[in-house]
Amino acid sequence: MTADEIQTLIANSMACELCQVEGDGRHWYATVVSASFEGKRLIARHQQVNAAMGARLKTDEVHALSMKTFTPAEWTAQNNG
């Protein structure tokens, strides 16, 4: 898979203000900013992104996906703080 394909999978599964994916073809790193993360713990946020990936994580089509997940307010605070 490509970074663009992973980005599209995530963005099609949830409303994202930002979805950036980069990696080397096996190990991927995603930054996802979504209002749908409001009130959710980190594990629930990661489960939401993993669900967007579907079977691709289970079949090793995507070997590893590390992620940073933020609400829009958290993202603003991190980047303007």
PDB file of N, CA and C in Angstrom:
ATOM      1  N   MET A   1       0.839  -1.185   0.000  1.00  0.00           N
ATOM      2  CA  MET A   1       0.000   0.000   0.000  1.00  0.00           C
ATOM      3  C   MET A   1       0.880   1.242   0.000  1.00  0.00           C
ATOM      4  N   THR A   2       0.291   2.323  -0.437  1.00  0.00           N
ATOM      5  CA  THR A   2       0.997   3.599  -0.433  1.00  0.00           C
ATOM      6  C   THR A   2       0.446   4.488   0.676  1.00  0.00           C
ATOM      7  N   ALA A   3       1.174   5.539   0.982  1.00  0.00           N
ATOM      8  CA  ALA A   3       0.721   6.507   1.989  1.00  0.00           C
ATOM      9  C   ALA A   3      -0.617   7.111   1.577  1.00  0.00           C
ATOM     10  N   ASP A   4      -0.773   7.408   0.308  1.00  0.00           N
ATOM     11  CA  ASP A   4      -2.032   7.984  -0.179  1.00  0.00           C
ATOM     12  C   ASP A   4      -3.202   7.023   0.009  1.00  0.00           C
ATOM     13  N   GLU A   5      -2.978   5.740  -0.227  1.00  0.00           N
ATOM     14  CA  GLU A   5      -4.039   4.748  -0.053  1.00  0.00           C
ATOM     15  C   GLU A   5      -4.459   4.635   1.413  1.00  0.00           C
ATOM     16  N   ILE A   6      -3.491   4.631   2.302  1.00  0.00           N
ATOM     17  CA  ILE A   6      -3.796   4.558   3.732  1.00  0.00           C
ATOM     18  C   ILE A   6      -4.532   5.818   4.177  1.00  0.00           C
ATOM     19  N   GLN A   7      -4.051   6.951   3.718  1.00  0.00           N
ATOM     20  CA  GLN A   7      -4.702   8.227   4.035  1.00  0.00           C
ATOM     21  C   GLN A   7      -6.159   8.224   3.582  1.00  0.00           C
ATOM     22  N   THR A   8      -6.409   7.730   2.394  1.00  0.00           N
ATOM     23  CA  THR A   8      -7.768   7.662   1.854  1.00  0.00           C
ATOM     24  C   THR A   8      -8.654   6.734   2.678  1.00  0.00           C
ATOM     25  N   LEU A   9      -8.127   5.585   3.072  1.00  0.00           N
ATOM     26  CA  LEU A   9      -8.898   4.652   3.912  1.00  0.00           C
ATOM     27  C   LEU A   9      -9.334   5.319   5.211  1.00  0.00           C
ATOM     28  N   ILE A  10      -8.409   6.005   5.859  1.00  0.00           N
ATOM     29  CA  ILE A  10      -8.720   6.654   7.133  1.00  0.00           C
ATOM     30  C   ILE A  10      -9.721   7.784   6.912  1.00  0.00           C
ATOM     31  N   ALA A  11      -9.447   8.637   5.940  1.00  0.00           N
ATOM     32  CA  ALA A  11     -10.310   9.797   5.685  1.00  0.00           C
ATOM     33  C   ALA A  11     -11.716   9.385   5.243  1.00  0.00           C
ATOM     34  N   ASN A  12     -11.845   8.253   4.555  1.00  0.00           N
ATOM     35  CA  ASN A  12     -13.164   7.782   4.128  1.00  0.00           C
ATOM     36  C   ASN A  12     -13.953   7.170   5.280  1.00  0.00           C
ATOM     37  N   SER A  13     -13.255   6.802   6.347  1.00  0.00           N
ATOM     38  CA  SER A  13     -13.896   6.156   7.479  1.00  0.00           C
ATOM     39  C   SER A  13     -14.347   7.144   8.557  1.00  0.00           C
ATOM     40  N   MET A  14     -13.700   8.294   8.618  1.00  0.00           N
ATOM     41  CA  MET A  14     -14.041   9.283   9.637  1.00  0.00           C
ATOM     42  C   MET A  14     -13.760  10.681   9.104  1.00  0.00           C
ATOM     43  N   ALA A  15     -14.482  11.635   9.633  1.00  0.00           N
ATOM     44  CA  ALA A  15     -14.239  13.026   9.238  1.00  0.00           C
ATOM     45  C   ALA A  15     -12.933  13.485   9.882  1.00  0.00           C
ATOM     46  N   CYS A  16     -11.974  13.846   9.068  1.00  0.00           N
ATOM     47  CA  CYS A  16     -10.664  14.278   9.560  1.00  0.00           C
ATOM     48  C   CYS A  16     -10.404  15.721   9.159  1.00  0.00           C
ATOM     49  N   GLU A  17      -9.909  16.485  10.090  1.00  0.00           N
ATOM     50  CA  GLU A  17      -9.447  17.823   9.745  1.00  0.00           C
ATOM     51  C   GLU A  17      -8.050  17.744   9.155  1.00  0.00           C
ATOM     52  N   LEU A  18      -7.325  16.692   9.555  1.00  0.00           N
ATOM     53  CA  LEU A  18      -5.985  16.459   9.039  1.00  0.00           C
ATOM     54  C   LEU A  18      -5.720  14.969   9.084  1.00  0.00           C
ATOM     55  N   CYS A  19      -5.148  14.448   8.030  1.00  0.00           N
ATOM     56  CA  CYS A  19      -4.710  13.052   7.993  1.00  0.00           C
ATOM     57  C   CYS A  19      -3.441  13.007   7.158  1.00  0.00           C
ATOM     58  N   GLN A  20      -2.320  12.791   7.840  1.00  0.00           N
ATOM     59  CA  GLN A  20      -1.034  12.709   7.155  1.00  0.00           C
ATOM     60  C   GLN A  20      -0.442  11.330   7.414  1.00  0.00           C
ATOM     61  N   VAL A  21       0.049  10.706   6.364  1.00  0.00           N
ATOM     62  CA  VAL A  21       0.650   9.376   6.489  1.00  0.00           C
ATOM     63  C   VAL A  21       1.987   9.380   5.776  1.00  0.00           C
ATOM     64  N   GLU A  22       2.978   8.815   6.428  1.00  0.00           N
ATOM     65  CA  GLU A  22       4.277   8.637   5.789  1.00  0.00           C
ATOM     66  C   GLU A  22       4.866   7.327   6.264  1.00  0.00           C
ATOM     67  N   GLY A  23       5.814   6.822   5.520  1.00  0.00           N
ATOM     68  CA  GLY A  23       6.432   5.558   5.899  1.00  0.00           C
ATOM     69  C   GLY A  23       7.301   4.998   4.803  1.00  0.00           C
ATOM     70  N   ASP A  24       7.747   3.774   5.022  1.00  0.00           N
ATOM     71  CA  ASP A  24       8.708   3.153   4.109  1.00  0.00           C
ATOM     72  C   ASP A  24       8.129   1.986   3.302  1.00  0.00           C
ATOM     73  N   GLY A  25       6.814   1.839   3.324  1.00  0.00           N
ATOM     74  CA  GLY A  25       6.200   0.741   2.588  1.00  0.00           C
ATOM     75  C   GLY A  25       5.794  -0.416   3.474  1.00  0.00           C
ATOM     76  N   ARG A  26       6.365  -0.511   4.660  1.00  0.00           N
ATOM     77  CA  ARG A  26       5.989  -1.538   5.642  1.00  0.00           C
ATOM     78  C   ARG A  26       5.616  -0.908   6.972  1.00  0.00           C
ATOM     79  N   HIS A  27       6.362   0.090   7.378  1.00  0.00           N
ATOM     80  CA  HIS A  27       6.126   0.768   8.646  1.00  0.00           C
ATOM     81  C   HIS A  27       5.581   2.167   8.356  1.00  0.00           C
ATOM     82  N   TRP A  28       4.395   2.431   8.884  1.00  0.00           N
ATOM     83  CA  TRP A  28       3.700   3.675   8.578  1.00  0.00           C
ATOM     84  C   TRP A  28       3.475   4.499   9.835  1.00  0.00           C
ATOM     85  N   TYR A  29       3.420   5.810   9.653  1.00  0.00           N
ATOM     86  CA  TYR A  29       3.213   6.765  10.736  1.00  0.00           C
ATOM     87  C   TYR A  29       2.103   7.709  10.311  1.00  0.00           C
ATOM     88  N   ALA A  30       1.032   7.749  11.105  1.00  0.00           N
ATOM     89  CA  ALA A  30      -0.118   8.588  10.756  1.00  0.00           C
ATOM     90  C   ALA A  30      -0.345   9.631  11.836  1.00  0.00           C
ATOM     91  N   THR A  31      -0.677  10.830  11.399  1.00  0.00           N
ATOM     92  CA  THR A  31      -1.147  11.887  12.284  1.00  0.00           C
ATOM     93  C   THR A  31      -2.576  12.169  11.866  1.00  0.00           C
ATOM     94  N   VAL A  32      -3.510  11.987  12.799  1.00  0.00           N
ATOM     95  CA  VAL A  32      -4.920  12.140  12.484  1.00  0.00           C
ATOM     96  C   VAL A  32      -5.543  13.122  13.469  1.00  0.00           C
ATOM     97  N   VAL A  33      -6.202  14.138  12.913  1.00  0.00           N
ATOM     98  CA  VAL A  33      -6.924  15.124  13.717  1.00  0.00           C
ATOM     99  C   VAL A  33      -8.400  15.004  13.357  1.00  0.00           C
ATOM    100  N   SER A  34      -9.228  14.691  14.366  1.00  0.00           N
ATOM    101  CA  SER A  34     -10.646  14.490  14.095  1.00  0.00           C
ATOM    102  C   SER A  34     -11.481  14.872  15.313  1.00  0.00           C
ATOM    103  N   ALA A  35     -12.582  15.542  15.059  1.00  0.00           N
ATOM    104  CA  ALA A  35     -13.526  15.870  16.135  1.00  0.00           C
ATOM    105  C   ALA A  35     -14.157  14.603  16.706  1.00  0.00           C
ATOM    106  N   SER A  36     -14.131  13.522  15.952  1.00  0.00           N
ATOM    107  CA  SER A  36     -14.713  12.265  16.442  1.00  0.00           C
ATOM    108  C   SER A  36     -13.917  11.691  17.616  1.00  0.00           C
ATOM    109  N   PHE A  37     -12.735  12.226  17.884  1.00  0.00           N
ATOM    110  CA  PHE A  37     -11.930  11.777  19.021  1.00  0.00           C
ATOM    111  C   PHE A  37     -12.320  12.462  20.331  1.00  0.00           C
ATOM    112  N   GLU A  38     -13.182  13.466  20.254  1.00  0.00           N
ATOM    113  CA  GLU A  38     -13.589  14.199  21.457  1.00  0.00           C
ATOM    114  C   GLU A  38     -14.114  13.231  22.516  1.00  0.00           C
ATOM    115  N   GLY A  39     -13.590  13.347  23.732  1.00  0.00           N
ATOM    116  CA  GLY A  39     -14.059  12.545  24.854  1.00  0.00           C
ATOM    117  C   GLY A  39     -13.590  11.104  24.845  1.00  0.00           C
ATOM    118  N   LYS A  40     -12.744  10.720  23.888  1.00  0.00           N
ATOM    119  CA  LYS A  40     -12.267   9.338  23.806  1.00  0.00           C
ATOM    120  C   LYS A  40     -10.849   9.225  24.346  1.00  0.00           C
ATOM    121  N   ARG A  41     -10.598   8.114  24.999  1.00  0.00           N
ATOM    122  CA  ARG A  41      -9.244   7.820  25.463  1.00  0.00           C
ATOM    123  C   ARG A  41      -8.372   7.432  24.272  1.00  0.00           C
ATOM    124  N   LEU A  42      -7.077   7.450  24.497  1.00  0.00           N
ATOM    125  CA  LEU A  42      -6.123   7.154  23.437  1.00  0.00           C
ATOM    126  C   LEU A  42      -6.391   5.795  22.791  1.00  0.00           C
ATOM    127  N   ILE A  43      -6.657   4.774  23.588  1.00  0.00           N
ATOM    128  CA  ILE A  43      -6.883   3.438  23.035  1.00  0.00           C
ATOM    129  C   ILE A  43      -8.103   3.419  22.121  1.00  0.00           C
ATOM    130  N   ALA A  44      -9.166   4.123  22.489  1.00  0.00           N
ATOM    131  CA  ALA A  44     -10.367   4.169  21.653  1.00  0.00           C
ATOM    132  C   ALA A  44     -10.098   4.901  20.348  1.00  0.00           C
ATOM    133  N   ARG A  45      -9.283   5.921  20.396  1.00  0.00           N
ATOM    134  CA  ARG A  45      -8.911   6.652  19.173  1.00  0.00           C
ATOM    135  C   ARG A  45      -8.142   5.737  18.230  1.00  0.00           C
ATOM    136  N   HIS A  46      -7.179   5.013  18.790  1.00  0.00           N
ATOM    137  CA  HIS A  46      -6.376   4.106  17.964  1.00  0.00           C
ATOM    138  C   HIS A  46      -7.234   2.979  17.394  1.00  0.00           C
ATOM    139  N   GLN A  47      -8.170   2.484  18.190  1.00  0.00           N
ATOM    140  CA  GLN A  47      -9.069   1.443  17.695  1.00  0.00           C
ATOM    141  C   GLN A  47      -9.915   1.963  16.538  1.00  0.00           C
ATOM    142  N   GLN A  48     -10.313   3.228  16.609  1.00  0.00           N
ATOM    143  CA  GLN A  48     -11.109   3.825  15.531  1.00  0.00           C
ATOM    144  C   GLN A  48     -10.298   3.890  14.237  1.00  0.00           C
ATOM    145  N   VAL A  49      -9.039   4.287  14.341  1.00  0.00           N
ATOM    146  CA  VAL A  49      -8.185   4.345  13.146  1.00  0.00           C
ATOM    147  C   VAL A  49      -7.901   2.926  12.645  1.00  0.00           C
ATOM    148  N   ASN A  50      -7.617   2.007  13.561  1.00  0.00           N
ATOM    149  CA  ASN A  50      -7.368   0.617  13.152  1.00  0.00           C
ATOM    150  C   ASN A  50      -8.579   0.024  12.444  1.00  0.00           C
ATOM    151  N   ALA A  51      -9.767   0.349  12.905  1.00  0.00           N
ATOM    152  CA  ALA A  51     -10.990  -0.142  12.257  1.00  0.00           C
ATOM    153  C   ALA A  51     -11.081   0.368  10.825  1.00  0.00           C
ATOM    154  N   ALA A  52     -10.628   1.586  10.599  1.00  0.00           N
ATOM    155  CA  ALA A  52     -10.633   2.147   9.247  1.00  0.00           C
ATOM    156  C   ALA A  52      -9.720   1.342   8.318  1.00  0.00           C
ATOM    157  N   MET A  53      -8.669   0.769   8.878  1.00  0.00           N
ATOM    158  CA  MET A  53      -7.724  -0.016   8.077  1.00  0.00           C
ATOM    159  C   MET A  53      -8.273  -1.405   7.756  1.00  0.00           C
ATOM    160  N   GLY A  54      -9.238  -1.857   8.536  1.00  0.00           N
ATOM    161  CA  GLY A  54      -9.862  -3.151   8.281  1.00  0.00           C
ATOM    162  C   GLY A  54      -8.865  -4.292   8.295  1.00  0.00           C
ATOM    163  N   ALA A  55      -9.043  -5.217   7.387  1.00  0.00           N
ATOM    164  CA  ALA A  55      -8.230  -6.438   7.342  1.00  0.00           C
ATOM    165  C   ALA A  55      -6.790  -6.184   6.915  1.00  0.00           C
ATOM    166  N   ARG A  56      -6.510  -5.019   6.424  1.00  0.00           N
ATOM    167  CA  ARG A  56      -5.152  -4.758   5.926  1.00  0.00           C
ATOM    168  C   ARG A  56      -4.096  -4.905   7.018  1.00  0.00           C
ATOM    169  N   LEU A  57      -4.474  -4.621   8.263  1.00  0.00           N
ATOM    170  CA  LEU A  57      -3.535  -4.815   9.370  1.00  0.00           C
ATOM    171  C   LEU A  57      -3.410  -6.291   9.731  1.00  0.00           C
ATOM    172  N   LYS A  58      -4.471  -7.035   9.558  1.00  0.00           N
ATOM    173  CA  LYS A  58      -4.467  -8.453   9.919  1.00  0.00           C
ATOM    174  C   LYS A  58      -3.777  -9.310   8.871  1.00  0.00           C
ATOM    175  N   THR A  59      -3.810  -8.883   7.625  1.00  0.00           N
ATOM    176  CA  THR A  59      -3.216  -9.670   6.549  1.00  0.00           C
ATOM    177  C   THR A  59      -1.780  -9.266   6.253  1.00  0.00           C
ATOM    178  N   ASP A  60      -1.248  -8.336   7.024  1.00  0.00           N
ATOM    179  CA  ASP A  60       0.123  -7.848   6.867  1.00  0.00           C
ATOM    180  C   ASP A  60       0.310  -6.998   5.613  1.00  0.00           C
ATOM    181  N   GLU A  61      -0.792  -6.594   4.997  1.00  0.00           N
ATOM    182  CA  GLU A  61      -0.696  -5.656   3.880  1.00  0.00           C
ATOM    183  C   GLU A  61      -0.094  -4.338   4.393  1.00  0.00           C
ATOM    184  N   VAL A  62      -0.437  -4.015   5.627  1.00  0.00           N
ATOM    185  CA  VAL A  62       0.197  -2.913   6.357  1.00  0.00           C
ATOM    186  C   VAL A  62       0.822  -3.566   7.579  1.00  0.00           C
ATOM    187  N   HIS A  63       2.133  -3.655   7.611  1.00  0.00           N
ATOM    188  CA  HIS A  63       2.821  -4.370   8.681  1.00  0.00           C
ATOM    189  C   HIS A  63       2.681  -3.654  10.023  1.00  0.00           C
ATOM    190  N   ALA A  64       2.890  -2.344  10.026  1.00  0.00           N
ATOM    191  CA  ALA A  64       2.835  -1.583  11.278  1.00  0.00           C
ATOM    192  C   ALA A  64       2.314  -0.182  10.999  1.00  0.00           C
ATOM    193  N   LEU A  65       1.442   0.274  11.879  1.00  0.00           N
ATOM    194  CA  LEU A  65       0.904   1.629  11.762  1.00  0.00           C
ATOM    195  C   LEU A  65       0.981   2.299  13.127  1.00  0.00           C
ATOM    196  N   SER A  66       1.912   3.216  13.262  1.00  0.00           N
ATOM    197  CA  SER A  66       2.010   4.029  14.470  1.00  0.00           C
ATOM    198  C   SER A  66       1.185   5.277  14.216  1.00  0.00           C
ATOM    199  N   MET A  67       0.579   5.796  15.269  1.00  0.00           N
ATOM    200  CA  MET A  67      -0.263   6.969  15.039  1.00  0.00           C
ATOM    201  C   MET A  67      -0.239   7.929  16.204  1.00  0.00           C
ATOM    202  N   LYS A  68      -0.482   9.170  15.858  1.00  0.00           N
ATOM    203  CA  LYS A  68      -0.728  10.224  16.826  1.00  0.00           C
ATOM    204  C   LYS A  68      -2.118  10.743  16.497  1.00  0.00           C
ATOM    205  N   THR A  69      -2.972  10.769  17.502  1.00  0.00           N
ATOM    206  CA  THR A  69      -4.353  11.182  17.285  1.00  0.00           C
ATOM    207  C   THR A  69      -4.664  12.387  18.163  1.00  0.00           C
ATOM    208  N   PHE A  70      -5.329  13.368  17.571  1.00  0.00           N
ATOM    209  CA  PHE A  70      -5.636  14.613  18.269  1.00  0.00           C
ATOM    210  C   PHE A  70      -7.058  15.058  17.963  1.00  0.00           C
ATOM    211  N   THR A  71      -7.666  15.727  18.934  1.00  0.00           N
ATOM    212  CA  THR A  71      -8.885  16.474  18.646  1.00  0.00           C
ATOM    213  C   THR A  71      -8.428  17.780  18.005  1.00  0.00           C
ATOM    214  N   PRO A  72      -9.311  18.505  17.355  1.00  0.00           N
ATOM    215  CA  PRO A  72      -8.895  19.785  16.778  1.00  0.00           C
ATOM    216  C   PRO A  72      -8.312  20.748  17.828  1.00  0.00           C
ATOM    217  N   ALA A  73      -8.889  20.782  19.024  1.00  0.00           N
ATOM    218  CA  ALA A  73      -8.373  21.677  20.072  1.00  0.00           C
ATOM    219  C   ALA A  73      -6.983  21.248  20.529  1.00  0.00           C
ATOM    220  N   GLU A  74      -6.759  19.943  20.665  1.00  0.00           N
ATOM    221  CA  GLU A  74      -5.435  19.448  21.059  1.00  0.00           C
ATOM    222  C   GLU A  74      -4.394  19.783  19.993  1.00  0.00           C
ATOM    223  N   TRP A  75      -4.785  19.631  18.730  1.00  0.00           N
ATOM    224  CA  TRP A  75      -3.874  19.913  17.621  1.00  0.00           C
ATOM    225  C   TRP A  75      -3.493  21.399  17.611  1.00  0.00           C
ATOM    226  N   THR A  76      -4.496  22.265  17.799  1.00  0.00           N
ATOM    227  CA  THR A  76      -4.241  23.707  17.826  1.00  0.00           C
ATOM    228  C   THR A  76      -3.317  24.057  18.989  1.00  0.00           C
ATOM    229  N   ALA A  77      -3.586  23.504  20.152  1.00  0.00           N
ATOM    230  CA  ALA A  77      -2.765  23.784  21.334  1.00  0.00           C
ATOM    231  C   ALA A  77      -1.321  23.307  21.126  1.00  0.00           C
ATOM    232  N   GLN A  78      -1.158  22.164  20.509  1.00  0.00           N
ATOM    233  CA  GLN A  78       0.188  21.624  20.303  1.00  0.00           C
ATOM    234  C   GLN A  78       0.987  22.465  19.299  1.00  0.00           C
ATOM    235  N   ASN A  79       0.310  22.977  18.308  1.00  0.00           N
ATOM    236  CA  ASN A  79       1.009  23.678  17.228  1.00  0.00           C
ATOM    237  C   ASN A  79       1.076  25.194  17.414  1.00  0.00           C
ATOM    238  N   ASN A  80       0.343  25.700  18.374  1.00  0.00           N
ATOM    239  CA  ASN A  80       0.384  27.149  18.636  1.00  0.00           C
ATOM    240  C   ASN A  80       0.831  27.451  20.064  1.00  0.00           C
ATOM    241  N   GLY A  81       1.204  26.419  20.789  1.00  0.00           N
ATOM    242  CA  GLY A  81       1.478  26.591  22.193  1.00  0.00           C
ATOM    243  C   GLY A  81       2.876  26.846  22.535  1.00  0.00           C
TER     244      GLY A  81
END
